[in-house]
PDB file of N, CA and C in Angstrom:
ATOM      1  N   MET A   1     -95.485 -25.709  14.782  1.00  0.00           N
ATOM      2  CA  MET A   1     -94.791 -27.068  14.348  1.00  0.00           C
ATOM      3  C   MET A   1     -94.906 -28.004  14.911  1.00  0.00           C
ATOM      4  N   PHE A   2     -95.617 -28.841  14.737  1.00  0.00           N
ATOM      5  CA  PHE A   2     -96.456 -29.681  15.811  1.00  0.00           C
ATOM      6  C   PHE A   2     -95.300 -30.565  16.360  1.00  0.00           C
ATOM      7  N   ILE A   3     -95.615 -30.885  17.537  1.00  0.00           N
ATOM      8  CA  ILE A   3     -94.233 -31.874  18.325  1.00  0.00           C
ATOM      9  C   ILE A   3     -95.669 -33.194  18.944  1.00  0.00           C
ATOM     10  N   ASN A   4     -94.396 -34.492  18.567  1.00  0.00           N
ATOM     11  CA  ASN A   4     -94.796 -35.252  18.709  1.00  0.00           C
ATOM     12  C   ASN A   4     -94.600 -35.952  20.167  1.00  0.00           C
ATOM     13  N   LYS A   5     -94.960 -35.771  21.221  1.00  0.00           N
ATOM     14  CA  LYS A   5     -95.005 -36.313  22.835  1.00  0.00           C
ATOM     15  C   LYS A   5     -94.505 -37.830  22.746  1.00  0.00           C
ATOM     16  N   ASN A   6     -94.677 -38.583  21.701  1.00  0.00           N
ATOM     17  CA  ASN A   6     -93.745 -39.802  22.159  1.00  0.00           C
ATOM     18  C   ASN A   6     -92.585 -39.962  22.118  1.00  0.00           C
ATOM     19  N   LEU A   7     -91.848 -38.574  21.253  1.00  0.00           N
ATOM     20  CA  LEU A   7     -90.267 -38.314  20.985  1.00  0.00           C
ATOM     21  C   LEU A   7     -89.753 -37.928  21.467  1.00  0.00           C
ATOM     22  N   PRO A   8     -88.478 -38.566  22.313  1.00  0.00           N
ATOM     23  CA  PRO A   8     -87.728 -37.653  23.080  1.00  0.00           C
ATOM     24  C   PRO A   8     -87.292 -36.366  23.235  1.00  0.00           C
ATOM     25  N   GLN A   9     -87.665 -35.840  23.889  1.00  0.00           N
ATOM     26  CA  GLN A   9     -87.649 -33.678  23.931  1.00  0.00           C
ATOM     27  C   GLN A   9     -85.740 -33.954  24.155  1.00  0.00           C
ATOM     28  N   THR A  10     -85.619 -34.902  25.088  1.00  0.00           N
ATOM     29  CA  THR A  10     -84.410 -33.942  25.873  1.00  0.00           C
ATOM     30  C   THR A  10     -82.718 -35.785  26.310  1.00  0.00           C
ATOM     31  N   VAL A  11     -82.344 -35.233  25.631  1.00  0.00           N
ATOM     32  CA  VAL A  11     -80.577 -36.558  25.627  1.00  0.00           C
ATOM     33  C   VAL A  11     -80.870 -37.769  27.131  1.00  0.00           C
ATOM     34  N   GLU A  12     -81.462 -37.289  28.141  1.00  0.00           N
ATOM     35  CA  GLU A  12     -81.877 -37.954  28.764  1.00  0.00           C
ATOM     36  C   GLU A  12     -82.932 -38.810  28.931  1.00  0.00           C
ATOM     37  N   GLU A  13     -84.118 -38.053  28.023  1.00  0.00           N
ATOM     38  CA  GLU A  13     -85.217 -39.358  27.779  1.00  0.00           C
ATOM     39  C   GLU A  13     -85.303 -39.850  26.620  1.00  0.00           C
ATOM     40  N   ALA A  14     -84.048 -39.890  26.173  1.00  0.00           N
ATOM     41  CA  ALA A  14     -83.322 -39.945  24.781  1.00  0.00           C
ATOM     42  C   ALA A  14     -82.735 -41.461  25.126  1.00  0.00           C
ATOM     43  N   VAL A  15     -81.836 -41.297  25.969  1.00  0.00           N
ATOM     44  CA  VAL A  15     -80.963 -42.116  26.907  1.00  0.00           C
ATOM     45  C   VAL A  15     -81.585 -43.411  27.815  1.00  0.00           C
ATOM     46  N   ASN A  16     -82.823 -43.257  28.350  1.00  0.00           N
ATOM     47  CA  ASN A  16     -83.779 -43.587  28.842  1.00  0.00           C
ATOM     48  C   ASN A  16     -84.925 -44.450  28.034  1.00  0.00           C
ATOM     49  N   HIS A  17     -85.020 -44.158  27.179  1.00  0.00           N
ATOM     50  CA  HIS A  17     -85.652 -44.986  25.746  1.00  0.00           C
ATOM     51  C   HIS A  17     -84.759 -46.096  25.543  1.00  0.00           C
ATOM     52  N   LEU A  18     -83.858 -45.824  24.907  1.00  0.00           N
ATOM     53  CA  LEU A  18     -82.608 -46.638  24.357  1.00  0.00           C
ATOM     54  C   LEU A  18     -82.571 -47.563  25.568  1.00  0.00           C
ATOM     55  N   LEU A  19     -82.300 -47.436  27.215  1.00  0.00           N
ATOM     56  CA  LEU A  19     -81.937 -48.355  27.852  1.00  0.00           C
ATOM     57  C   LEU A  19     -83.226 -49.903  28.243  1.00  0.00           C
ATOM     58  N   ALA A  20     -84.603 -48.916  28.409  1.00  0.00           N
ATOM     59  CA  ALA A  20     -85.894 -49.652  28.212  1.00  0.00           C
ATOM     60  C   ALA A  20     -85.894 -50.709  26.961  1.00  0.00           C
ATOM     61  N   ASP A  21     -85.614 -50.587  26.425  1.00  0.00           N
ATOM     62  CA  ASP A  21     -85.258 -51.745  24.887  1.00  0.00           C
ATOM     63  C   ASP A  21     -84.379 -51.711  24.659  1.00  0.00           C
ATOM     64  N   MET A  22     -82.374 -51.746  25.085  1.00  0.00           N
ATOM     65  CA  MET A  22     -82.056 -52.289  25.029  1.00  0.00           C
ATOM     66  C   MET A  22     -81.877 -53.646  25.698  1.00  0.00           C
ATOM     67  N   SER A  23     -81.233 -54.957  25.315  1.00  0.00           N
ATOM     68  CA  SER A  23     -80.674 -56.948  26.064  1.00  0.00           C
ATOM     69  C   SER A  23     -79.631 -56.047  27.107  1.00  0.00           C
ATOM     70  N   LEU A  24     -80.160 -57.054  27.676  1.00  0.00           N
ATOM     71  CA  LEU A  24     -78.735 -56.932  29.116  1.00  0.00           C
ATOM     72  C   LEU A  24     -77.728 -57.771  28.153  1.00  0.00           C
ATOM     73  N   ASN A  25     -77.322 -58.241  27.282  1.00  0.00           N
ATOM     74  CA  ASN A  25     -76.190 -58.756  26.015  1.00  0.00           C
ATOM     75  C   ASN A  25     -75.857 -56.710  25.300  1.00  0.00           C
ATOM     76  N   ASN A  26     -76.675 -56.736  25.215  1.00  0.00           N
ATOM     77  CA  ASN A  26     -76.214 -55.411  24.636  1.00  0.00           C
ATOM     78  C   ASN A  26     -75.969 -54.647  25.292  1.00  0.00           C
ATOM     79  N   GLU A  27     -76.281 -54.010  26.850  1.00  0.00           N
ATOM     80  CA  GLU A  27     -76.054 -53.369  27.744  1.00  0.00           C
ATOM     81  C   GLU A  27     -74.557 -53.373  27.690  1.00  0.00           C
ATOM     82  N   ILE A  28     -73.901 -54.888  28.404  1.00  0.00           N
ATOM     83  CA  ILE A  28     -73.179 -55.568  28.762  1.00  0.00           C
ATOM     84  C   ILE A  28     -72.209 -55.240  28.133  1.00  0.00           C
ATOM     85  N   HIS A  29     -72.538 -55.271  26.449  1.00  0.00           N
ATOM     86  CA  HIS A  29     -71.124 -55.635  25.175  1.00  0.00           C
ATOM     87  C   HIS A  29     -70.920 -53.274  25.554  1.00  0.00           C
ATOM     88  N   LEU A  30     -71.683 -53.159  26.126  1.00  0.00           N
ATOM     89  CA  LEU A  30     -71.871 -51.180  25.999  1.00  0.00           C
ATOM     90  C   LEU A  30     -71.074 -50.753  26.810  1.00  0.00           C
ATOM     91  N   ALA A  31     -71.172 -51.480  27.255  1.00  0.00           N
ATOM     92  CA  ALA A  31     -70.392 -51.326  29.462  1.00  0.00           C
ATOM     93  C   ALA A  31     -69.142 -51.615  28.902  1.00  0.00           C
ATOM     94  N   THR A  32     -68.346 -52.566  28.135  1.00  0.00           N
ATOM     95  CA  THR A  32     -67.204 -52.503  28.339  1.00  0.00           C
ATOM     96  C   THR A  32     -66.553 -51.871  27.003  1.00  0.00           C
ATOM     97  N   MET A  33     -67.526 -51.363  26.751  1.00  0.00           N
ATOM     98  CA  MET A  33     -66.682 -50.691  25.344  1.00  0.00           C
ATOM     99  C   MET A  33     -65.751 -49.224  25.662  1.00  0.00           C
ATOM    100  N   LYS A  34     -64.544 -49.245  25.356  1.00  0.00           N
ATOM    101  CA  LYS A  34     -64.067 -47.758  25.515  1.00  0.00           C
ATOM    102  C   LYS A  34     -64.827 -46.700  24.837  1.00  0.00           C
ATOM    103  N   GLU A  35     -64.403 -45.061  25.434  1.00  0.00           N
ATOM    104  CA  GLU A  35     -65.396 -44.254  24.336  1.00  0.00           C
ATOM    105  C   GLU A  35     -64.818 -43.608  23.277  1.00  0.00           C
ATOM    106  N   ASP A  36     -63.196 -44.118  22.963  1.00  0.00           N
ATOM    107  CA  ASP A  36     -63.302 -43.770  21.703  1.00  0.00           C
ATOM    108  C   ASP A  36     -63.196 -44.792  20.377  1.00  0.00           C
ATOM    109  N   ASP A  37     -64.171 -46.663  21.135  1.00  0.00           N
ATOM    110  CA  ASP A  37     -64.758 -47.441  20.239  1.00  0.00           C
ATOM    111  C   ASP A  37     -65.954 -46.835  19.774  1.00  0.00           C
ATOM    112  N   LEU A  38     -66.836 -46.136  20.819  1.00  0.00           N
ATOM    113  CA  LEU A  38     -67.842 -45.352  20.392  1.00  0.00           C
ATOM    114  C   LEU A  38     -68.683 -44.732  18.768  1.00  0.00           C
ATOM    115  N   THR A  39     -67.368 -44.614  18.497  1.00  0.00           N
ATOM    116  CA  THR A  39     -67.319 -44.659  16.357  1.00  0.00           C
ATOM    117  C   THR A  39     -68.010 -45.583  16.313  1.00  0.00           C
ATOM    118  N   ASP A  40     -67.632 -47.019  16.705  1.00  0.00           N
ATOM    119  CA  ASP A  40     -67.710 -48.334  15.741  1.00  0.00           C
ATOM    120  C   ASP A  40     -69.210 -48.514  15.880  1.00  0.00           C
ATOM    121  N   ILE A  41     -70.465 -47.611  16.829  1.00  0.00           N
ATOM    122  CA  ILE A  41     -71.425 -48.284  16.449  1.00  0.00           C
ATOM    123  C   ILE A  41     -72.798 -47.355  16.505  1.00  0.00           C
ATOM    124  N   HIS A  42     -71.054 -46.494  15.595  1.00  0.00           N
ATOM    125  CA  HIS A  42     -72.372 -44.603  15.777  1.00  0.00           C
ATOM    126  C   HIS A  42     -72.935 -45.588  14.230  1.00  0.00           C
ATOM    127  N   PHE A  43     -72.534 -45.728  13.224  1.00  0.00           N
ATOM    128  CA  PHE A  43     -73.095 -46.251  12.570  1.00  0.00           C
ATOM    129  C   PHE A  43     -74.916 -46.999  12.396  1.00  0.00           C
ATOM    130  N   SER A  44     -75.165 -47.956  13.230  1.00  0.00           N
ATOM    131  CA  SER A  44     -75.636 -48.630  13.192  1.00  0.00           C
ATOM    132  C   SER A  44     -76.632 -48.259  14.525  1.00  0.00           C
ATOM    133  N   LEU A  45     -76.306 -47.671  15.939  1.00  0.00           N
ATOM    134  CA  LEU A  45     -76.816 -47.574  16.721  1.00  0.00           C
ATOM    135  C   LEU A  45     -76.901 -45.626  16.443  1.00  0.00           C
ATOM    136  N   GLY A  46     -76.901 -44.578  15.999  1.00  0.00           N
ATOM    137  CA  GLY A  46     -77.013 -43.245  15.203  1.00  0.00           C
ATOM    138  C   GLY A  46     -77.969 -44.159  14.604  1.00  0.00           C
ATOM    139  N   ASN A  47     -78.001 -44.437  13.524  1.00  0.00           N
ATOM    140  CA  ASN A  47     -79.081 -44.467  12.035  1.00  0.00           C
ATOM    141  C   ASN A  47     -80.168 -44.772  13.312  1.00  0.00           C
ATOM    142  N   TYR A  48     -80.331 -45.729  14.031  1.00  0.00           N
ATOM    143  CA  TYR A  48     -81.423 -46.267  14.794  1.00  0.00           C
ATOM    144  C   TYR A  48     -82.039 -45.134  15.816  1.00  0.00           C
ATOM    145  N   ILE A  49     -81.036 -44.443  16.477  1.00  0.00           N
ATOM    146  CA  ILE A  49     -81.935 -42.754  17.150  1.00  0.00           C
ATOM    147  C   ILE A  49     -81.762 -41.838  16.135  1.00  0.00           C
ATOM    148  N   ARG A  50     -81.486 -41.786  15.058  1.00  0.00           N
ATOM    149  CA  ARG A  50     -81.184 -40.555  14.115  1.00  0.00           C
ATOM    150  C   ARG A  50     -83.004 -40.558  13.852  1.00  0.00           C
ATOM    151  N   ASN A  51     -83.263 -42.316  13.339  1.00  0.00           N
ATOM    152  CA  ASN A  51     -84.613 -42.254  12.763  1.00  0.00           C
ATOM    153  C   ASN A  51     -85.965 -42.695  13.857  1.00  0.00           C
ATOM    154  N   SER A  52     -85.909 -42.802  14.902  1.00  0.00           N
ATOM    155  CA  SER A  52     -86.595 -43.560  15.614  1.00  0.00           C
ATOM    156  C   SER A  52     -87.146 -42.087  16.889  1.00  0.00           C
ATOM    157  N   SER A  53     -86.021 -40.857  17.028  1.00  0.00           N
ATOM    158  CA  SER A  53     -86.348 -39.771  18.194  1.00  0.00           C
ATOM    159  C   SER A  53     -86.434 -38.862  17.310  1.00  0.00           C
ATOM    160  N   GLY A  54     -86.517 -38.891  15.621  1.00  0.00           N
ATOM    161  CA  GLY A  54     -86.639 -37.697  15.030  1.00  0.00           C
ATOM    162  C   GLY A  54     -86.209 -36.597  14.399  1.00  0.00           C
ATOM    163  N   LEU A  55     -84.523 -37.177  14.610  1.00  0.00           N
ATOM    164  CA  LEU A  55     -83.875 -36.133  14.725  1.00  0.00           C
ATOM    165  C   LEU A  55     -83.956 -35.664  13.250  1.00  0.00           C
ATOM    166  N   TRP A  56     -84.360 -36.910  12.065  1.00  0.00           N
ATOM    167  CA  TRP A  56     -84.347 -35.530  10.626  1.00  0.00           C
ATOM    168  C   TRP A  56     -85.630 -34.749  10.578  1.00  0.00           C
ATOM    169  N   THR A  57     -86.692 -35.472  11.738  1.00  0.00           N
ATOM    170  CA  THR A  57     -87.894 -34.985  10.970  1.00  0.00           C
ATOM    171  C   THR A  57     -87.612 -34.154  11.707  1.00  0.00           C
ATOM    172  N   GLY A  58     -86.797 -32.914  12.427  1.00  0.00           N
ATOM    173  CA  GLY A  58     -87.470 -31.783  12.940  1.00  0.00           C
ATOM    174  C   GLY A  58     -87.755 -32.112  14.528  1.00  0.00           C
ATOM    175  N   ASN A  59     -86.810 -32.927  15.258  1.00  0.00           N
ATOM    176  CA  ASN A  59     -87.266 -33.042  17.055  1.00  0.00           C
ATOM    177  C   ASN A  59     -85.973 -31.736  17.405  1.00  0.00           C
ATOM    178  N   ASP A  60     -86.618 -30.611  17.743  1.00  0.00           N
ATOM    179  CA  ASP A  60     -85.619 -29.607  17.687  1.00  0.00           C
ATOM    180  C   ASP A  60     -85.445 -29.236  18.705  1.00  0.00           C
ATOM    181  N   ALA A  61     -86.800 -29.648  20.211  1.00  0.00           N
ATOM    182  CA  ALA A  61     -85.978 -30.073  21.290  1.00  0.00           C
ATOM    183  C   ALA A  61     -85.053 -30.807  21.677  1.00  0.00           C
ATOM    184  N   LEU A  62     -84.967 -31.494  20.655  1.00  0.00           N
ATOM    185  CA  LEU A  62     -84.009 -33.397  21.436  1.00  0.00           C
ATOM    186  C   LEU A  62     -82.595 -32.031  20.736  1.00  0.00           C
ATOM    187  N   MET A  63     -82.724 -31.751  19.353  1.00  0.00           N
ATOM    188  CA  MET A  63     -81.894 -31.447  18.944  1.00  0.00           C
ATOM    189  C   MET A  63     -81.048 -29.818  20.037  1.00  0.00           C
ATOM    190  N   GLU A  64     -81.472 -28.949  21.033  1.00  0.00           N
ATOM    191  CA  GLU A  64     -81.389 -28.408  21.036  1.00  0.00           C
ATOM    192  C   GLU A  64     -80.797 -28.850  22.300  1.00  0.00           C
ATOM    193  N   SER A  65     -81.475 -30.129  23.610  1.00  0.00           N
ATOM    194  CA  SER A  65     -80.857 -30.271  24.263  1.00  0.00           C
ATOM    195  C   SER A  65     -79.283 -31.107  23.558  1.00  0.00           C
ATOM    196  N   CYS A  66     -79.218 -31.833  23.135  1.00  0.00           N
ATOM    197  CA  CYS A  66     -77.706 -31.927  22.537  1.00  0.00           C
ATOM    198  C   CYS A  66     -76.845 -30.953  22.216  1.00  0.00           C
ATOM    199  N   ARG A  67     -77.555 -30.273  21.702  1.00  0.00           N
ATOM    200  CA  ARG A  67     -76.221 -28.762  21.062  1.00  0.00           C
ATOM    201  C   ARG A  67     -76.391 -28.268  22.733  1.00  0.00           C
ATOM    202  N   ILE A  68     -77.296 -28.061  23.913  1.00  0.00           N
ATOM    203  CA  ILE A  68     -76.341 -27.708  25.039  1.00  0.00           C
ATOM    204  C   ILE A  68     -75.621 -28.415  26.210  1.00  0.00           C
ATOM    205  N   VAL A  69     -76.106 -30.767  25.772  1.00  0.00           N
ATOM    206  CA  VAL A  69     -75.473 -31.291  26.336  1.00  0.00           C
ATOM    207  C   VAL A  69     -73.911 -30.847  25.936  1.00  0.00           C
ATOM    208  N   SER A  70     -73.562 -31.463  24.387  1.00  0.00           N
ATOM    209  CA  SER A  70     -72.103 -31.491  24.005  1.00  0.00           C
ATOM    210  C   SER A  70     -71.331 -29.447  23.376  1.00  0.00           C
ATOM    211  N   GLY A  71     -72.288 -28.252  24.184  1.00  0.00           N
ATOM    212  CA  GLY A  71     -71.967 -26.977  24.500  1.00  0.00           C
ATOM    213  C   GLY A  71     -71.843 -26.755  22.336  1.00  0.00           C
ATOM    214  N   ASN A  72     -71.917 -27.131  21.359  1.00  0.00           N
ATOM    215  CA  ASN A  72     -71.868 -27.065  20.105  1.00  0.00           C
ATOM    216  C   ASN A  72     -73.156 -26.267  19.429  1.00  0.00           C
ATOM    217  N   GLN A  73     -73.194 -24.985  19.476  1.00  0.00           N
ATOM    218  CA  GLN A  73     -74.720 -25.026  18.954  1.00  0.00           C
ATOM    219  C   GLN A  73     -74.556 -24.886  16.739  1.00  0.00           C
ATOM    220  N   ASN A  74     -73.288 -25.259  16.654  1.00  0.00           N
ATOM    221  CA  ASN A  74     -74.038 -26.144  15.244  1.00  0.00           C
ATOM    222  C   ASN A  74     -74.413 -27.269  14.906  1.00  0.00           C
ATOM    223  N   LEU A  75     -74.636 -27.547  15.975  1.00  0.00           N
ATOM    224  CA  LEU A  75     -74.322 -29.646  15.751  1.00  0.00           C
ATOM    225  C   LEU A  75     -75.054 -29.791  14.813  1.00  0.00           C
ATOM    226  N   HIS A  76     -74.563 -30.871  13.729  1.00  0.00           N
ATOM    227  CA  HIS A  76     -74.793 -31.127  12.773  1.00  0.00           C
ATOM    228  C   HIS A  76     -75.986 -32.776  13.726  1.00  0.00           C
ATOM    229  N   VAL A  77     -76.958 -33.042  12.711  1.00  0.00           N
ATOM    230  CA  VAL A  77     -77.927 -34.834  13.202  1.00  0.00           C
ATOM    231  C   VAL A  77     -76.791 -35.659  13.835  1.00  0.00           C
ATOM    232  N   ASP A  78     -75.677 -35.354  12.809  1.00  0.00           N
ATOM    233  CA  ASP A  78     -75.192 -37.061  12.695  1.00  0.00           C
ATOM    234  C   ASP A  78     -74.084 -36.851  14.280  1.00  0.00           C
ATOM    235  N   ASP A  79     -74.231 -35.432  14.757  1.00  0.00           N
ATOM    236  CA  ASP A  79     -73.134 -35.621  16.012  1.00  0.00           C
ATOM    237  C   ASP A  79     -74.025 -35.574  17.497  1.00  0.00           C
ATOM    238  N   ALA A  80     -75.170 -35.205  17.095  1.00  0.00           N
ATOM    239  CA  ALA A  80     -76.383 -34.959  17.923  1.00  0.00           C
ATOM    240  C   ALA A  80     -75.981 -36.864  17.981  1.00  0.00           C
ATOM    241  N   SER A  81     -76.920 -37.468  17.349  1.00  0.00           N
ATOM    242  CA  SER A  81     -76.577 -38.975  17.838  1.00  0.00           C
ATOM    243  C   SER A  81     -75.670 -38.929  18.640  1.00  0.00           C
ATOM    244  N   MET A  82     -74.323 -38.446  18.172  1.00  0.00           N
ATOM    245  CA  MET A  82     -73.294 -39.401  19.103  1.00  0.00           C
ATOM    246  C   MET A  82     -73.256 -38.994  20.467  1.00  0.00           C
ATOM    247  N   VAL A  83     -74.015 -37.512  20.187  1.00  0.00           N
ATOM    248  CA  VAL A  83     -73.411 -36.634  22.151  1.00  0.00           C
ATOM    249  C   VAL A  83     -74.198 -38.140  22.627  1.00  0.00           C
ATOM    250  N   ILE A  84     -75.664 -38.880  22.429  1.00  0.00           N
ATOM    251  CA  ILE A  84     -77.059 -39.269  22.943  1.00  0.00           C
ATOM    252  C   ILE A  84     -76.300 -41.073  23.121  1.00  0.00           C
ATOM    253  N   ILE A  85     -75.174 -41.318  22.385  1.00  0.00           N
ATOM    254  CA  ILE A  85     -74.265 -42.368  22.238  1.00  0.00           C
ATOM    255  C   ILE A  85     -73.391 -42.910  23.890  1.00  0.00           C
ATOM    256  N   THR A  86     -73.045 -41.171  23.562  1.00  0.00           N
ATOM    257  CA  THR A  86     -72.090 -41.243  24.778  1.00  0.00           C
ATOM    258  C   THR A  86     -72.446 -40.895  26.501  1.00  0.00           C
ATOM    259  N   GLU A  87     -73.965 -40.233  25.912  1.00  0.00           N
ATOM    260  CA  GLU A  87     -74.714 -39.738  26.901  1.00  0.00           C
ATOM    261  C   GLU A  87     -74.872 -41.465  27.494  1.00  0.00           C
ATOM    262  N   LEU A  88     -75.436 -41.969  27.219  1.00  0.00           N
ATOM    263  CA  LEU A  88     -76.151 -43.616  26.994  1.00  0.00           C
ATOM    264  C   LEU A  88     -74.676 -44.510  27.656  1.00  0.00           C
ATOM    265  N   TRP A  89     -73.450 -44.471  27.253  1.00  0.00           N
ATOM    266  CA  TRP A  89     -72.385 -45.298  27.120  1.00  0.00           C
ATOM    267  C   TRP A  89     -72.250 -44.849  28.678  1.00  0.00           C
ATOM    268  N   LYS A  90     -72.206 -43.363  29.628  1.00  0.00           N
ATOM    269  CA  LYS A  90     -71.753 -42.866  30.216  1.00  0.00           C
ATOM    270  C   LYS A  90     -72.661 -43.645  31.578  1.00  0.00           C
ATOM    271  N   LYS A  91     -74.397 -43.004  31.322  1.00  0.00           N
ATOM    272  CA  LYS A  91     -75.451 -44.239  31.923  1.00  0.00           C
ATOM    273  C   LYS A  91     -74.490 -45.736  32.703  1.00  0.00           C
ATOM    274  N   VAL A  92     -74.656 -46.210  31.362  1.00  0.00           N
ATOM    275  CA  VAL A  92     -73.985 -48.179  31.435  1.00  0.00           C
ATOM    276  C   VAL A  92     -73.274 -47.868  32.217  1.00  0.00           C
ATOM    277  N   LYS A  93     -71.634 -47.495  31.908  1.00  0.00           N
ATOM    278  CA  LYS A  93     -70.900 -47.577  32.479  1.00  0.00           C
ATOM    279  C   LYS A  93     -70.733 -47.164  34.082  1.00  0.00           C
ATOM    280  N   SER A  94     -71.280 -46.288  34.517  1.00  0.00           N
ATOM    281  CA  SER A  94     -71.983 -46.097  35.941  1.00  0.00           C
ATOM    282  C   SER A  94     -72.647 -47.040  36.660  1.00  0.00           C
ATOM    283  N   SER A  95     -73.654 -48.401  35.997  1.00  0.00           N
ATOM    284  CA  SER A  95     -74.559 -48.721  36.270  1.00  0.00           C
ATOM    285  C   SER A  95     -73.613 -49.906  37.222  1.00  0.00           C
ATOM    286  N   ASN A  96     -74.498 -50.724  38.174  1.00  0.00           N
ATOM    287  CA  ASN A  96     -73.554 -51.672  39.146  1.00  0.00           C
ATOM    288  C   ASN A  96     -73.702 -53.020  38.127  1.00  0.00           C
ATOM    289  N   ILE A  97     -74.161 -53.082  36.668  1.00  0.00           N
ATOM    290  CA  ILE A  97     -74.184 -54.143  35.872  1.00  0.00           C
ATOM    291  C   ILE A  97     -72.849 -55.008  35.244  1.00  0.00           C
ATOM    292  N   LEU A  98     -72.189 -54.824  35.419  1.00  0.00           N
ATOM    293  CA  LEU A  98     -70.542 -55.241  35.621  1.00  0.00           C
ATOM    294  C   LEU A  98     -70.385 -55.659  37.272  1.00  0.00           C
ATOM    295  N   ASN A  99     -70.589 -55.229  38.284  1.00  0.00           N
ATOM    296  CA  ASN A  99     -69.882 -55.277  39.205  1.00  0.00           C
ATOM    297  C   ASN A  99     -70.504 -56.354  40.097  1.00  0.00           C
ATOM    298  N   ASN A 100     -70.926 -57.425  39.432  1.00  0.00           N
ATOM    299  CA  ASN A 100     -71.672 -58.207  40.689  1.00  0.00           C
ATOM    300  C   ASN A 100     -72.223 -58.653  41.266  1.00  0.00           C
ATOM    301  N   GLU A 101     -73.277 -57.388  41.333  1.00  0.00           N
ATOM    302  CA  GLU A 101     -74.208 -57.335  42.554  1.00  0.00           C
ATOM    303  C   GLU A 101     -75.539 -57.359  42.040  1.00  0.00           C
ATOM    304  N   ASP A 102     -76.439 -57.886  42.820  1.00  0.00           N
ATOM    305  CA  ASP A 102     -77.368 -57.986  42.811  1.00  0.00           C
ATOM    306  C   ASP A 102     -78.214 -56.729  42.687  1.00  0.00           C
ATOM    307  N   SER A 103     -79.339 -56.549  43.089  1.00  0.00           N
ATOM    308  CA  SER A 103     -80.476 -55.055  43.354  1.00  0.00           C
ATOM    309  C   SER A 103     -79.934 -54.666  44.533  1.00  0.00           C
ATOM    310  N   TYR A 104     -79.530 -55.665  45.513  1.00  0.00           N
ATOM    311  CA  TYR A 104     -79.438 -55.030  47.511  1.00  0.00           C
ATOM    312  C   TYR A 104     -77.519 -54.766  47.063  1.00  0.00           C
ATOM    313  N   GLY A 105     -76.966 -54.892  46.220  1.00  0.00           N
ATOM    314  CA  GLY A 105     -75.725 -54.658  46.864  1.00  0.00           C
ATOM    315  C   GLY A 105     -74.727 -55.754  47.057  1.00  0.00           C
ATOM    316  N   ARG A 106     -75.140 -56.821  47.439  1.00  0.00           N
ATOM    317  CA  ARG A 106     -75.400 -58.222  47.517  1.00  0.00           C
ATOM    318  C   ARG A 106     -73.757 -58.991  46.048  1.00  0.00           C
ATOM    319  N   LYS A 107     -72.505 -59.569  46.762  1.00  0.00           N
ATOM    320  CA  LYS A 107     -71.889 -59.612  45.720  1.00  0.00           C
ATOM    321  C   LYS A 107     -72.999 -61.288  45.276  1.00  0.00           C
ATOM    322  N   THR A 108     -72.744 -61.563  44.052  1.00  0.00           N
ATOM    323  CA  THR A 108     -73.056 -62.311  43.691  1.00  0.00           C
ATOM    324  C   THR A 108     -71.903 -63.693  42.730  1.00  0.00           C
TER     325      THR A 108
END
């Protein structure tokens, strides 16, 4: 099978690709969401993830990574995109974006 090296191969790579393209406003919006509310963005962001990361077109490496992260070996493509959204949310929540600190840890 042909592997497109431009596509993310792991959940971590998918999250990093999404963060690289995410506006600050969207990042802040995501950071303020509750985990239960992530399903509200699953249709739009999930669709983008499924299409842009090759989940619909056979990105087996990313699917396997999603299965490992979720612990579900029978994961569907829709659920795989939710795994990526959840991990993106966790990464944004753990950043200093809402702590009112600059890159040096100083209060702004």
